[in-house]
Amino acid sequence: MKKIYATMLFLICFSISSSAIPHWILAPYFPNTGRSACTAFVIGEQAFVGLGYDGFNFKKSFYIFNNYTHQWYNAPDFQGFPRCAAVSFVIGTNAFIGTGTGLSTYSNDFWKYNSINNTWSQVADLPGESRHSAIAFTVYNKGYVGLGYAITGLLKDLWQYNDTTNTWHQKNNFNGAKRKSASVFVLGNKAFIVNGDKNELTNGCWQYNAIADSFIQKTDFTGTPRSGCVAFTLNGKGIVGLGYDTLNHFCNDFMQYDTLSDSWSPFDSFPAAARSGAIAFSFPTRAYVALGYDSLFLKDVYYYSALNDEANSLNADEKIISIYPNPVAENFSVSYSLPVTQKYFYSLYNFNGEDLIHNPLDATKHLLEINTNLLNNGIYFFRIETEYSSIPCGKVVVLK
């Protein structure tokens, strides 16, 4: 009996300390077709991802990703025409989305998403030239939109939006060369505009001071000159990467910028396919990078945990997780030992990263029974999550 049990037991014991947990972790896949040149913004603990192009159609759909539950939900469709290469910024609980290319090659319309009422409404058009591949950011509760590509060519103008009066005001032009497809992040109420295409790819970095309405050139990005990057902030640093370089090679590296030393240093490379046209969004303790194009339109999502986020993850010495029997025909059991100081969830997902089962997990019970009647034969993956992180626990082979 012991021999038979040993044959059927698939035991996964983790001994992972917080310092050994990989920083980049696969999250649930985007719930629609892969796409590129989307826009993304964060309100509270939810990220909103939408628009883009999937190789066949311009998109107007939006989806919500919950940072706590790691679940995707449908959001109301964008009410403008389908498009890609648009921009977005957030003021309070409202997001503003506009410009881009789609049914119209260039656009200047803007739309407001009210996250409280879950509704869209049109606001004042951007007064400058219609464009796509611009930048947008928020500083001191004002939205800013600038640069990009118009029917006249590359642009370097900058406009400020006041939500209270629904008006735009022109600001000083960008001091660098006209460009499109640059990246931008905000630290200390200052915006940093990095890389882009100025008829040649650049690795320049410029700081915008909204109070002085002025630009200062900073230390160049130390990766290769490139366009189509993503940018996000984490641990008080600005992080820029991916994109394509002067040889038209897709990139998977990241560099992080320190505002105090005005210097760049390497950041952990992206663990999946190199790509351009991806999106990034971040919360206080983690950042997400998703979608994009690498000759295929991609739908994978990864997140990077900050150090203080890892402190909330599942510590090695506190858990042992066993999955048995494996392979399984009907029911399998998961035994576990977890501290009772946190809230947990468990999920079973497929190769596409789609959650097939996702439920709360009671840390006081130590044993979970799962029925596979609704699952087809194949390989699935089980994981346990806290509110702040997730740990893959192993694969489950369903063989009926």
Foldseek 3Di string as FASTA:
>chain_A
DVVVFVVQWDFFADAAALVRPDQKDWAFWFPDAFFFQWEWDDADQKIKIWWGDAPPATTFWIWIAGLQQSDIDGADGHPDDRFGQWYWEDFHQKIKIDWGDHPHRFTFWIWIQRNVVSDIDTFDGDPDATFGQWYWYDFPRKIKIFWGAHPVGTTFWMWIADPVVSDIDTFDGDPDAGFGQWEWEDAPRKIKTAWGCNVATAQWIWIARPVVSDIDTFDGDPDARFGQWEWYDEPRWIKIDWGAHRVRATTFWMWIAHPVVSDIDTDDTDPDDGFGRWYKDDDHFKIKIAWGDDPHTGTIMIMGGHSVLSVPWFHNVQKTWIWDRAQDAWKIKIFMGHDQPFWKKKFKADPSSDTPDIGTDHNVPRMDMDTCPVPDFDKIWMWMDTSRGIDTRDIGGHDD
